[in-house]
Amino acid sequence: MRQFRKIVRFELKNYMTNKVFVGITLFAVIAIAVVMFFPRLTEAIGSDTPATDSTRSVMLVSADESIAMPIEASFAAAFPDYDVRLAANDRAEIEAQIVAGEAECAFCFDSLTSYTYFVNNLSMYDANTAIADEVLRTLYQTQEMTAHGMSAATIQTVLSAPVAHETVMLGKDQMQNFFYTYIMIFALYMVILLYGQMVASNVATEKSSRAMELLVTSADPVSMMFGKVIASCLAGLVQLVVIFGSSLLCFHANRAYWGEDGMMASFFNIPLDLVGYMLLFFVLGFFIYAFLYGAVGSTVSKLEDINTAVMPITMLFIAGFFVVIFSMASGSVDTTLVKVCSFIPFTAPMAMFTRIAMSTVPAWEIALSVLILAGSVVGVGVLAAKIYRIGVLLYGTRPKPGAILKALRRA
């Protein structure tokens, strides 16, 4: 136990004094602070400068005289960010104005049910045609109702009839939970990959310096492996707490300046039980991958071979990450694939956490997933310690998996 504590303190001190570790943490804290204070700074700068009228984008509307005026009025109301102007019916001239940048887009109407939309570069977020379709549909309905003898007041009542609805949520609100679930999953992804690689690199560095030959004969390999992994896990937790803690403080200091930004408020109103689940699955998921990275790192004789050696582990983790991300994007996190991944130790940290955050999961499934994951951590840790003791004494060509298994059986 004394050896274990010494190893944890030594490895943790190395992380906390590492310039790269400290630099990344400070950079993240400063970057988040800049983002959080941006609305305050913008308002302060804006208050010192005279207000100027911003130039709105020009939208051209071309139509026959019989429908030009109602279309212009309706489009001006439907597109408040545009300067809607009537244009001549010469489409060549309209195209030339758009290409020259004098107008952003144009609508050329053949009737209330047919038009051509002109735009230079079509943005993937361009919703102008969808808005135009709705405006024209209303104008066409109004015109047809008037032609059949309905008064303007009756038409307005029919078209603006309110529809009342009530939503009773019995489970989780996926839309509300999506943003911070995505951030947490991405944080798990980055930290596990980053620190897993660091564990493997540290082991390979010690082995290449030949200092490992002395260490492995004077200390228990289980204590060494668990000490390295736990120290890296603590360093990762400290970094997460510093980054997310500073972002929380900066947000509350500037909350009034963010106004009604629902996405930002949603992220900083994370339920405490979800934070607890995140920490639980982070620790267990980190342990199982860090043990694997440490075991593989012990079999490498040269530091430059690390990336190739750990590639299968990295690809396994990335596969689990993409399964979760695609399920979140589809809006269904309770598919058969995600449920199966919730009970596989290598994918459970992200899959089960996502299901907990965005769906209703029975308590027995959560307990079973945690038990499987915790048992796998112990098993993989003991196996990694044995591989570690054998691997650090093997130099030259990296041993094949079959040779390591034979050495484990002999041991």
Protein backbone atom coordinates (compact mmCIF):
# COMPACT_ATOMS: atom_id res chain seq x y z
CA MET A 1 0.00 0.00 0.00
CA ARG A 2 2.90 2.34 0.75
CA GLN A 3 4.33 1.67 -2.71
CA PHE A 4 0.94 2.44 -4.25
CA ARG A 5 0.64 5.80 -2.47
CA LYS A 6 4.19 6.79 -3.45
CA ILE A 7 3.52 5.94 -7.09
CA VAL A 8 0.24 7.90 -7.10
CA ARG A 9 1.89 10.98 -5.54
CA PHE A 10 4.86 10.79 -7.90
CA GLU A 11 2.74 10.41 -11.06
CA LEU A 12 0.25 13.08 -9.96
CA LYS A 13 3.09 15.51 -9.27
CA ASN A 14 4.45 14.87 -12.77
CA TYR A 15 1.07 15.77 -14.29
CA MET A 16 0.60 18.90 -12.19
CA THR A 17 4.07 20.22 -13.02
CA ASN A 18 3.88 19.30 -16.68
CA LYS A 19 3.99 22.50 -18.75
CA VAL A 20 1.78 21.08 -21.49
CA PHE A 21 -0.87 19.99 -18.94
CA VAL A 22 -0.86 23.37 -17.20
CA GLY A 23 -0.78 25.25 -20.51
CA ILE A 24 -3.76 23.38 -21.97
CA THR A 25 -5.76 23.94 -18.78
CA LEU A 26 -4.98 27.67 -18.67
CA PHE A 27 -5.73 28.07 -22.37
CA ALA A 28 -9.11 26.36 -21.98
CA VAL A 29 -10.00 28.49 -18.94
CA ILE A 30 -9.02 31.74 -20.73
CA ALA A 31 -10.86 30.76 -23.92
CA ILE A 32 -14.04 29.96 -21.99
CA ALA A 33 -13.75 33.20 -20.00
CA VAL A 34 -13.48 35.19 -23.24
CA VAL A 35 -16.60 33.49 -24.61
CA MET A 36 -18.57 34.01 -21.40
CA PHE A 37 -17.59 37.69 -21.11
CA PHE A 38 -18.15 38.38 -24.82
CA PRO A 39 -21.74 39.73 -24.46
CA ARG A 40 -20.62 42.05 -21.63
CA LEU A 41 -17.65 43.31 -23.68
CA THR A 42 -19.80 43.76 -26.77
CA GLU A 43 -22.35 45.80 -24.84
CA ALA A 44 -19.61 47.92 -23.23
CA ILE A 45 -17.96 48.64 -26.57
CA GLY A 46 -21.29 49.27 -28.25
CA SER A 47 -22.37 51.77 -25.61
CA ASP A 48 -19.31 53.93 -26.32
CA THR A 49 -19.83 54.10 -30.06
CA PRO A 50 -22.61 55.97 -31.83
CA ALA A 51 -25.39 53.81 -33.12
CA THR A 52 -25.46 53.41 -36.86
CA ASP A 53 -28.18 52.05 -39.07
CA SER A 54 -27.11 48.64 -40.28
CA THR A 55 -27.60 48.00 -43.99
CA ARG A 56 -30.09 45.22 -44.54
CA SER A 57 -29.80 42.71 -47.33
CA VAL A 58 -31.88 43.50 -50.40
CA MET A 59 -34.57 41.10 -51.60
CA LEU A 60 -36.08 41.74 -55.02
CA VAL A 61 -39.69 40.83 -55.84
CA SER A 62 -40.90 40.67 -59.42
CA ALA A 63 -44.56 39.99 -60.34
CA ASP A 64 -47.49 41.17 -62.44
CA GLU A 65 -49.17 44.38 -61.33
CA SER A 66 -52.27 42.49 -60.17
CA ILE A 67 -50.39 40.66 -57.42
CA ALA A 68 -47.23 42.75 -57.00
CA MET A 69 -48.48 45.04 -54.23
CA PRO A 70 -49.95 42.39 -51.88
CA ILE A 71 -46.86 40.22 -52.37
CA GLU A 72 -44.52 43.14 -51.59
CA ALA A 73 -46.43 44.01 -48.40
CA SER A 74 -46.63 40.40 -47.23
CA PHE A 75 -42.96 39.70 -47.94
CA ALA A 76 -41.87 42.87 -46.14
CA ALA A 77 -43.69 41.60 -43.03
CA ALA A 78 -42.46 38.01 -43.39
CA PHE A 79 -38.81 38.96 -44.02
CA PRO A 80 -38.01 41.75 -41.50
CA ASP A 81 -34.25 41.31 -42.00
CA TYR A 82 -34.49 42.16 -45.70
CA ASP A 83 -35.11 45.37 -47.60
CA VAL A 84 -37.88 44.06 -49.89
CA ARG A 85 -38.12 45.96 -53.17
CA LEU A 86 -40.21 45.60 -56.30
CA ALA A 87 -38.15 44.89 -59.41
CA ALA A 88 -38.78 44.92 -63.12
CA ASN A 89 -39.81 41.71 -64.83
CA ASP A 90 -36.48 41.50 -66.67
CA ARG A 91 -34.97 38.33 -65.20
CA ALA A 92 -31.59 38.92 -66.85
CA GLU A 93 -31.32 42.26 -65.03
CA ILE A 94 -32.32 40.59 -61.73
CA GLU A 95 -29.67 37.89 -62.16
CA ALA A 96 -27.06 40.57 -62.90
CA GLN A 97 -27.92 42.47 -59.70
CA ILE A 98 -27.60 39.32 -57.60
CA VAL A 99 -24.28 38.32 -59.16
CA ALA A 100 -22.97 41.88 -58.65
CA GLY A 101 -23.96 41.77 -54.96
CA GLU A 102 -26.54 44.56 -55.25
CA ALA A 103 -29.20 42.14 -53.98
CA GLU A 104 -28.93 38.94 -52.01
CA CYS A 105 -31.86 37.08 -53.56
CA ALA A 106 -34.99 37.54 -55.67
CA PHE A 107 -38.44 36.02 -56.18
CA CYS A 108 -39.95 36.12 -59.66
CA PHE A 109 -43.66 35.19 -59.56
CA ASP A 110 -45.67 33.72 -62.39
CA SER A 111 -48.71 33.51 -60.07
CA LEU A 112 -49.51 33.08 -56.40
CA THR A 113 -48.74 29.37 -56.73
CA SER A 114 -45.65 29.48 -58.91
CA TYR A 115 -42.38 31.38 -58.61
CA THR A 116 -38.63 31.16 -59.27
CA TYR A 117 -36.12 31.82 -56.50
CA PHE A 118 -32.79 33.41 -57.50
CA VAL A 119 -29.76 33.36 -55.18
CA ASN A 120 -26.04 33.49 -55.84
CA ASN A 121 -24.70 31.09 -53.21
CA LEU A 122 -27.36 28.88 -51.65
CA SER A 123 -26.70 28.48 -47.93
CA MET A 124 -27.46 25.16 -46.28
CA TYR A 125 -29.53 27.15 -43.75
CA ASP A 126 -31.48 29.14 -46.35
CA ALA A 127 -35.17 28.98 -45.34
CA ASN A 128 -36.44 31.75 -47.60
CA THR A 129 -38.41 29.44 -49.89
CA ALA A 130 -40.15 27.77 -46.94
CA ILE A 131 -41.26 31.18 -45.61
CA ALA A 132 -42.29 32.30 -49.08
CA ASP A 133 -44.38 29.15 -49.58
CA GLU A 134 -46.31 29.85 -46.38
CA VAL A 135 -46.86 33.52 -47.29
CA LEU A 136 -48.11 32.64 -50.77
CA ARG A 137 -50.35 29.91 -49.43
CA THR A 138 -52.04 32.45 -47.15
CA LEU A 139 -52.39 35.00 -49.97
CA TYR A 140 -53.84 32.38 -52.32
CA GLN A 141 -56.35 31.19 -49.73
CA THR A 142 -57.40 34.76 -49.02
CA GLN A 143 -57.84 35.49 -52.74
CA GLU A 144 -59.90 32.35 -53.33
CA MET A 145 -62.11 32.93 -50.29
CA THR A 146 -62.75 36.52 -51.36
CA ALA A 147 -63.66 35.38 -54.87
CA HIS A 148 -66.27 33.04 -53.36
CA GLY A 149 -67.95 35.77 -51.35
CA MET A 150 -66.31 35.60 -47.93
CA SER A 151 -65.68 38.89 -46.18
CA ALA A 152 -62.19 40.02 -45.17
CA ALA A 153 -63.09 39.75 -41.46
CA THR A 154 -64.35 36.18 -41.87
CA ILE A 155 -61.23 35.22 -43.83
CA GLN A 156 -58.99 36.66 -41.13
CA THR A 157 -60.90 34.73 -38.46
CA VAL A 158 -60.61 31.46 -40.39
CA LEU A 159 -56.92 31.81 -41.20
CA SER A 160 -55.88 32.96 -37.74
CA ALA A 161 -57.92 30.46 -35.71
CA PRO A 162 -55.76 29.52 -32.69
CA VAL A 163 -54.87 25.90 -32.03
CA ALA A 164 -54.37 25.05 -28.35
CA HIS A 165 -52.28 22.10 -27.26
CA GLU A 166 -50.80 20.75 -24.07
CA THR A 167 -47.74 18.52 -23.77
CA VAL A 168 -47.52 16.09 -20.87
CA MET A 169 -43.93 14.86 -20.52
CA LEU A 170 -43.70 11.52 -18.73
CA GLY A 171 -40.02 10.91 -19.41
CA LYS A 172 -37.06 13.06 -20.47
CA ASP A 173 -37.04 16.16 -22.66
CA GLN A 174 -34.49 15.16 -25.30
CA MET A 175 -34.34 18.62 -26.84
CA GLN A 176 -33.48 20.21 -23.50
CA ASN A 177 -30.91 17.53 -22.60
CA PHE A 178 -29.28 17.20 -26.02
CA PHE A 179 -26.83 20.08 -25.74
CA TYR A 180 -25.21 19.28 -22.41
CA THR A 181 -25.34 15.54 -23.11
CA TYR A 182 -23.34 16.16 -26.28
CA ILE A 183 -20.84 18.35 -24.40
CA MET A 184 -20.39 15.72 -21.69
CA ILE A 185 -19.96 12.88 -24.18
CA PHE A 186 -17.41 14.92 -26.10
CA ALA A 187 -15.56 15.74 -22.85
CA LEU A 188 -15.42 12.04 -21.97
CA TYR A 189 -14.17 11.28 -25.46
CA MET A 190 -11.38 13.88 -25.35
CA VAL A 191 -10.21 13.17 -21.79
CA ILE A 192 -10.16 9.38 -22.10
CA LEU A 193 -8.27 9.48 -25.39
CA LEU A 194 -5.84 12.18 -24.21
CA TYR A 195 -4.97 10.65 -20.86
CA GLY A 196 -5.03 7.09 -22.17
CA GLN A 197 -2.37 8.08 -24.71
CA MET A 198 -0.41 9.82 -21.93
CA VAL A 199 -0.42 6.65 -19.80
CA ALA A 200 0.86 4.60 -22.74
CA SER A 201 3.51 7.22 -23.57
CA ASN A 202 4.72 7.44 -19.95
CA VAL A 203 5.11 3.67 -19.72
CA ALA A 204 6.95 3.52 -23.06
CA THR A 205 9.23 6.40 -22.03
CA GLU A 206 10.18 4.71 -18.76
CA LYS A 207 10.81 1.47 -20.61
CA SER A 208 13.00 3.10 -23.26
CA SER A 209 15.13 4.70 -20.52
CA ARG A 210 15.76 1.22 -19.02
CA ALA A 211 14.72 2.57 -15.62
CA MET A 212 11.79 0.17 -15.71
CA GLU A 213 14.07 -2.81 -15.12
CA LEU A 214 14.86 -1.46 -11.65
CA LEU A 215 11.30 -0.32 -10.90
CA VAL A 216 9.60 -3.56 -11.85
CA THR A 217 11.88 -5.60 -9.58
CA SER A 218 11.49 -3.26 -6.59
CA ALA A 219 7.74 -2.57 -6.76
CA ASP A 220 4.62 -4.66 -7.23
CA PRO A 221 3.50 -4.37 -10.89
CA VAL A 222 -0.16 -4.19 -9.78
CA SER A 223 0.66 -1.19 -7.55
CA MET A 224 2.61 0.44 -10.37
CA MET A 225 -0.12 -0.04 -12.95
CA PHE A 226 -2.98 1.01 -10.66
CA GLY A 227 -0.94 3.93 -9.32
CA LYS A 228 -0.24 5.30 -12.80
CA VAL A 229 -3.85 4.93 -13.91
CA ILE A 230 -5.39 6.42 -10.76
CA ALA A 231 -2.95 9.36 -10.85
CA SER A 232 -3.85 10.11 -14.46
CA CYS A 233 -7.56 9.80 -13.62
CA LEU A 234 -7.18 12.29 -10.75
CA ALA A 235 -5.30 14.67 -13.04
CA GLY A 236 -8.09 14.42 -15.60
CA LEU A 237 -10.75 15.08 -12.95
CA VAL A 238 -8.84 18.09 -11.66
CA GLN A 239 -8.60 19.48 -15.18
CA LEU A 240 -12.32 18.93 -15.83
CA VAL A 241 -13.29 20.52 -12.51
CA VAL A 242 -11.09 23.57 -13.18
CA ILE A 243 -12.39 24.05 -16.73
CA PHE A 244 -16.08 23.45 -16.06
CA GLY A 245 -15.92 25.21 -12.69
CA SER A 246 -14.41 28.36 -14.22
CA SER A 247 -16.99 28.29 -17.03
CA LEU A 248 -19.79 28.04 -14.46
CA LEU A 249 -18.42 31.00 -12.48
CA CYS A 250 -17.96 33.10 -15.63
CA PHE A 251 -21.48 32.28 -16.82
CA HIS A 252 -23.11 33.31 -13.54
CA ALA A 253 -21.02 36.49 -13.53
CA ASN A 254 -22.44 37.36 -16.98
CA ARG A 255 -25.84 35.66 -16.81
CA ALA A 256 -27.75 38.91 -17.27
CA TYR A 257 -25.85 39.65 -20.49
CA TRP A 258 -26.73 36.31 -22.08
CA GLY A 259 -30.42 37.19 -21.94
CA GLU A 260 -32.75 34.44 -23.05
CA ASP A 261 -30.11 32.15 -24.56
CA GLY A 262 -31.84 28.85 -23.81
CA MET A 263 -28.98 26.67 -25.03
CA MET A 264 -26.43 28.29 -22.74
CA ALA A 265 -28.77 28.30 -19.74
CA SER A 266 -29.66 24.65 -20.40
CA PHE A 267 -26.01 23.62 -20.25
CA PHE A 268 -25.42 25.31 -16.89
CA ASN A 269 -28.64 23.96 -15.37
CA ILE A 270 -27.49 20.34 -15.48
CA PRO A 271 -29.28 18.20 -12.86
CA LEU A 272 -26.95 17.07 -10.08
CA ASP A 273 -27.88 13.42 -10.53
CA LEU A 274 -26.73 13.61 -14.14
CA VAL A 275 -23.42 15.16 -13.05
CA GLY A 276 -23.02 12.23 -10.64
CA TYR A 277 -23.65 9.70 -13.39
CA MET A 278 -21.15 11.50 -15.60
CA LEU A 279 -18.43 11.28 -12.95
CA LEU A 280 -19.22 7.61 -12.28
CA PHE A 281 -19.05 6.56 -15.93
CA PHE A 282 -16.08 8.82 -16.55
CA VAL A 283 -14.04 7.15 -13.80
CA LEU A 284 -15.00 3.59 -14.78
CA GLY A 285 -14.58 4.22 -18.50
CA PHE A 286 -11.28 5.97 -17.96
CA PHE A 287 -9.93 3.11 -15.84
CA ILE A 288 -10.76 0.38 -18.34
CA TYR A 289 -9.16 2.22 -21.26
CA ALA A 290 -6.19 3.54 -19.29
CA PHE A 291 -5.35 -0.01 -18.19
CA LEU A 292 -5.47 -1.17 -21.81
CA TYR A 293 -3.30 1.75 -22.95
CA GLY A 294 -0.79 1.09 -20.15
CA ALA A 295 -0.59 -2.62 -20.97
CA VAL A 296 -0.04 -1.94 -24.67
CA GLY A 297 2.49 0.79 -23.91
CA SER A 298 4.56 -1.68 -21.89
CA THR A 299 5.02 -3.89 -24.95
CA VAL A 300 6.53 -1.10 -27.07
CA SER A 301 10.30 -0.60 -27.08
CA LYS A 302 10.34 2.73 -28.97
CA LEU A 303 8.17 5.73 -28.25
CA GLU A 304 7.44 6.31 -31.94
CA ASP A 305 5.67 2.93 -32.11
CA ILE A 306 3.03 3.98 -29.56
CA ASN A 307 0.46 5.31 -32.04
CA THR A 308 0.53 2.13 -34.10
CA ALA A 309 0.34 -0.11 -31.04
CA VAL A 310 -2.67 1.62 -29.47
CA MET A 311 -4.58 2.04 -32.73
CA PRO A 312 -6.93 -0.97 -32.15
CA ILE A 313 -7.91 0.39 -28.71
CA THR A 314 -8.44 3.87 -30.10
CA MET A 315 -10.58 2.57 -32.98
CA LEU A 316 -12.70 0.55 -30.53
CA PHE A 317 -13.34 3.67 -28.46
CA ILE A 318 -14.07 5.83 -31.52
CA ALA A 319 -16.56 3.23 -32.79
CA GLY A 320 -18.48 3.44 -29.51
CA PHE A 321 -18.39 7.24 -29.70
CA PHE A 322 -19.88 7.31 -33.19
CA VAL A 323 -22.62 4.85 -32.26
CA VAL A 324 -23.69 7.23 -29.49
CA ILE A 325 -23.41 10.39 -31.61
CA PHE A 326 -25.43 8.91 -34.49
CA SER A 327 -28.13 7.71 -32.08
CA MET A 328 -28.35 11.21 -30.55
CA ALA A 329 -28.58 12.80 -34.01
CA SER A 330 -31.38 10.42 -35.01
CA GLY A 331 -33.36 11.30 -31.87
CA SER A 332 -33.59 7.66 -30.78
CA VAL A 333 -31.16 6.57 -28.06
CA ASP A 334 -33.04 3.38 -27.19
CA THR A 335 -32.25 1.40 -30.32
CA THR A 336 -31.20 -2.22 -29.99
CA LEU A 337 -27.61 -1.35 -30.87
CA VAL A 338 -27.33 1.34 -28.17
CA LYS A 339 -28.97 -0.95 -25.59
CA VAL A 340 -26.47 -3.69 -26.36
CA CYS A 341 -23.60 -1.20 -26.18
CA SER A 342 -24.89 -0.13 -22.74
CA PHE A 343 -23.77 -3.50 -21.34
CA ILE A 344 -20.48 -3.88 -23.22
CA PRO A 345 -17.70 -2.58 -20.94
CA PHE A 346 -15.84 -0.74 -23.71
CA THR A 347 -18.89 1.21 -24.92
CA ALA A 348 -21.05 1.36 -21.77
CA PRO A 349 -19.52 4.59 -20.34
CA MET A 350 -20.91 6.64 -23.22
CA ALA A 351 -23.90 4.54 -24.32
CA MET A 352 -25.48 4.08 -20.88
CA PHE A 353 -24.79 7.68 -19.88
CA THR A 354 -26.50 8.91 -23.05
CA ARG A 355 -29.53 6.73 -22.40
CA ILE A 356 -29.76 8.00 -18.82
CA ALA A 357 -29.55 11.63 -19.98
CA MET A 358 -31.97 11.43 -22.91
CA SER A 359 -34.29 8.54 -22.08
CA THR A 360 -35.93 6.66 -19.23
CA VAL A 361 -33.78 3.70 -18.20
CA PRO A 362 -34.90 1.13 -15.59
CA ALA A 363 -32.82 1.18 -12.40
CA TRP A 364 -31.86 -2.49 -12.80
CA GLU A 365 -30.31 -1.81 -16.22
CA ILE A 366 -28.20 1.01 -14.78
CA ALA A 367 -27.11 -1.16 -11.86
CA LEU A 368 -26.27 -4.09 -14.15
CA SER A 369 -24.27 -1.88 -16.49
CA VAL A 370 -22.30 -0.38 -13.59
CA LEU A 371 -21.61 -3.82 -12.08
CA ILE A 372 -20.41 -5.22 -15.42
CA LEU A 373 -18.24 -2.17 -15.97
CA ALA A 374 -16.77 -2.23 -12.44
CA GLY A 375 -16.04 -5.96 -12.66
CA SER A 376 -14.43 -5.48 -16.05
CA VAL A 377 -12.26 -2.67 -14.66
CA VAL A 378 -10.89 -4.98 -11.96
CA GLY A 379 -10.36 -7.86 -14.41
CA VAL A 380 -8.74 -5.71 -17.09
CA GLY A 381 -6.61 -3.99 -14.43
CA VAL A 382 -5.20 -7.25 -13.06
CA LEU A 383 -4.60 -8.59 -16.58
CA ALA A 384 -2.95 -5.31 -17.61
CA ALA A 385 -0.66 -5.46 -14.57
CA LYS A 386 0.51 -8.95 -15.61
CA ILE A 387 1.08 -7.85 -19.20
CA TYR A 388 2.86 -4.78 -17.83
CA ARG A 389 5.32 -6.87 -15.79
CA ILE A 390 6.12 -9.10 -18.77
CA GLY A 391 6.06 -6.37 -21.45
CA VAL A 392 8.45 -3.94 -19.77
CA LEU A 393 11.19 -6.55 -19.79
CA LEU A 394 10.78 -7.40 -23.47
CA TYR A 395 12.95 -5.31 -25.79
CA GLY A 396 13.56 -5.32 -29.51
CA THR A 397 10.67 -6.23 -31.81
CA ARG A 398 7.26 -5.65 -30.28
CA PRO A 399 5.94 -9.04 -29.11
CA LYS A 400 2.89 -10.47 -30.82
CA PRO A 401 -0.31 -11.11 -28.82
CA GLY A 402 0.29 -14.88 -28.98
CA ALA A 403 3.73 -14.52 -27.41
CA ILE A 404 2.31 -12.36 -24.60
CA LEU A 405 -0.40 -14.94 -23.89
CA LYS A 406 2.20 -17.70 -23.68
CA ALA A 407 4.28 -15.63 -21.29
CA LEU A 408 1.19 -14.98 -19.16
CA ARG A 409 0.43 -18.71 -18.95
CA ARG A 410 4.01 -19.45 -17.93
CA ALA A 411 3.87 -16.70 -15.33
